[in-house]
Amino acid sequence: MSSFKEEVKEPAKYDQNASYAFEYNGPDFNQASVELASNWVYVANTDLCNGAKVKPCRIQVSEDYVNNPSTSPALKSIINISAELNTLHGTYYVKGLDDPTGLISNKPN
């Protein structure tokens, strides 16, 4: 029975408390701007945007992709953010992250 209890107490792979939210703050909605890590600013609020895939809004990533997590969190430049064109609106939105635990939320126009 003790091995069963150990399995139940095994920590989850992804701890939601270890994620950091960033909001898009770029000059425009072209592909290069959306994919540039420095155009994403840390926000303490981890609420995600519930919108259509028109413009980027927020992403959440694990600490592995964050510089200075305890003082002034910033996305590491090594993160790969992929953007895709919304042809109807002519804007790019976030389609993917190379953080396997990352979350993406876009917003309507």
Protein backbone atom coordinates (compact mmCIF):
# COMPACT_ATOMS: atom_id res chain seq x y z
CA MET A 1 0.00 0.00 0.00
CA SER A 2 2.81 2.45 0.61
CA SER A 3 3.81 2.39 -3.05
CA PHE A 4 0.24 3.27 -3.99
CA LYS A 5 0.34 6.29 -1.68
CA GLU A 6 3.62 7.41 -3.25
CA GLU A 7 2.06 7.33 -6.71
CA VAL A 8 -0.87 9.46 -5.55
CA LYS A 9 1.48 12.04 -4.03
CA GLU A 10 3.68 12.27 -7.12
CA PRO A 11 3.95 15.93 -8.17
CA ALA A 12 2.27 17.02 -11.35
CA LYS A 13 4.46 17.58 -14.40
CA TYR A 14 3.37 21.21 -14.72
CA ASP A 15 2.92 23.49 -11.75
CA GLN A 16 0.61 26.37 -12.70
CA ASN A 17 2.31 28.52 -10.05
CA ALA A 18 5.59 28.23 -11.91
CA SER A 19 4.22 29.90 -15.03
CA TYR A 20 4.69 33.52 -16.05
CA ALA A 21 2.26 35.56 -18.14
CA PHE A 22 3.34 38.02 -20.80
CA GLU A 23 1.20 40.44 -22.76
CA TYR A 24 1.93 41.58 -26.29
CA ASN A 25 3.18 45.17 -26.43
CA GLY A 26 4.61 45.40 -29.94
CA PRO A 27 4.42 48.32 -32.32
CA ASP A 28 2.23 46.44 -34.82
CA PHE A 29 0.89 43.02 -35.70
CA ASN A 30 3.37 41.87 -38.34
CA GLN A 31 5.07 38.49 -38.07
CA ALA A 32 8.49 39.76 -36.97
CA SER A 33 7.00 41.92 -34.20
CA VAL A 34 4.77 39.17 -32.83
CA GLU A 35 7.65 36.66 -32.80
CA LEU A 36 10.10 39.03 -31.05
CA ALA A 37 10.45 38.18 -27.34
CA SER A 38 11.21 41.77 -26.33
CA ASN A 39 7.72 42.83 -27.51
CA TRP A 40 6.15 40.77 -24.72
CA VAL A 41 5.94 42.32 -21.24
CA TYR A 42 5.40 40.54 -17.96
CA VAL A 43 1.99 40.89 -16.32
CA ALA A 44 1.10 39.60 -12.87
CA ASN A 45 -2.43 38.78 -13.98
CA THR A 46 -2.46 35.29 -15.48
CA ASP A 47 -5.97 35.53 -16.97
CA LEU A 48 -5.95 34.51 -20.59
CA CYS A 49 -7.77 36.32 -23.37
CA ASN A 50 -10.68 34.49 -24.93
CA GLY A 51 -10.85 35.71 -28.45
CA ALA A 52 -10.56 34.82 -32.07
CA LYS A 53 -7.20 34.23 -33.71
CA VAL A 54 -6.78 37.79 -34.97
CA LYS A 55 -4.19 39.52 -32.75
CA PRO A 56 -1.82 38.33 -30.02
CA CYS A 57 -2.83 38.95 -26.44
CA ARG A 58 -1.11 36.87 -23.74
CA ILE A 59 1.10 33.85 -23.40
CA GLN A 60 2.12 31.87 -20.34
CA VAL A 61 5.46 30.10 -20.17
CA SER A 62 7.43 28.11 -17.63
CA GLU A 63 10.35 29.56 -15.70
CA ASP A 64 12.74 27.88 -18.18
CA TYR A 65 11.90 30.65 -20.67
CA VAL A 66 12.11 33.58 -18.23
CA ASN A 67 15.05 35.79 -17.27
CA ASN A 68 15.05 37.23 -13.71
CA PRO A 69 11.90 35.36 -12.61
CA SER A 70 12.05 36.62 -9.02
CA THR A 71 12.85 40.26 -9.68
CA SER A 72 11.79 41.52 -13.10
CA PRO A 73 10.57 38.67 -15.32
CA ALA A 74 11.33 38.97 -19.02
CA LEU A 75 11.05 36.46 -21.83
CA LYS A 76 14.35 34.88 -22.82
CA SER A 77 15.30 35.64 -26.40
CA ILE A 78 15.74 31.89 -27.01
CA ILE A 79 11.98 31.30 -26.92
CA ASN A 80 10.50 30.44 -30.26
CA ILE A 81 7.15 32.16 -30.77
CA SER A 82 5.52 31.29 -34.07
CA ALA A 83 2.95 33.58 -35.64
CA GLU A 84 0.42 32.90 -38.35
CA LEU A 85 -1.36 35.33 -40.63
CA ASN A 86 -5.07 35.97 -40.27
CA THR A 87 -5.75 36.70 -43.93
CA LEU A 88 -9.13 38.31 -43.29
CA HIS A 89 -7.66 40.99 -41.01
CA GLY A 90 -4.06 41.11 -42.29
CA THR A 91 -2.68 40.60 -38.77
CA TYR A 92 -0.53 37.91 -37.20
CA TYR A 93 -1.50 36.01 -34.06
CA VAL A 94 0.44 33.53 -31.93
CA LYS A 95 0.13 30.01 -33.26
CA GLY A 96 2.79 28.19 -31.25
CA LEU A 97 5.48 28.25 -28.55
CA ASP A 98 8.40 25.91 -28.09
CA ASP A 99 7.55 25.66 -24.38
CA PRO A 100 5.62 22.37 -24.15
CA THR A 101 3.72 23.65 -21.09
CA GLY A 102 3.08 27.10 -22.55
CA LEU A 103 -0.38 28.56 -23.07
CA ILE A 104 -1.45 30.90 -25.85
CA SER A 105 -4.34 33.32 -25.97
CA ASN A 106 -5.17 35.64 -28.81
CA LYS A 107 -7.89 38.26 -29.10
CA PRO A 108 -10.40 39.48 -31.68
CA ASN A 109 -9.75 42.56 -33.77
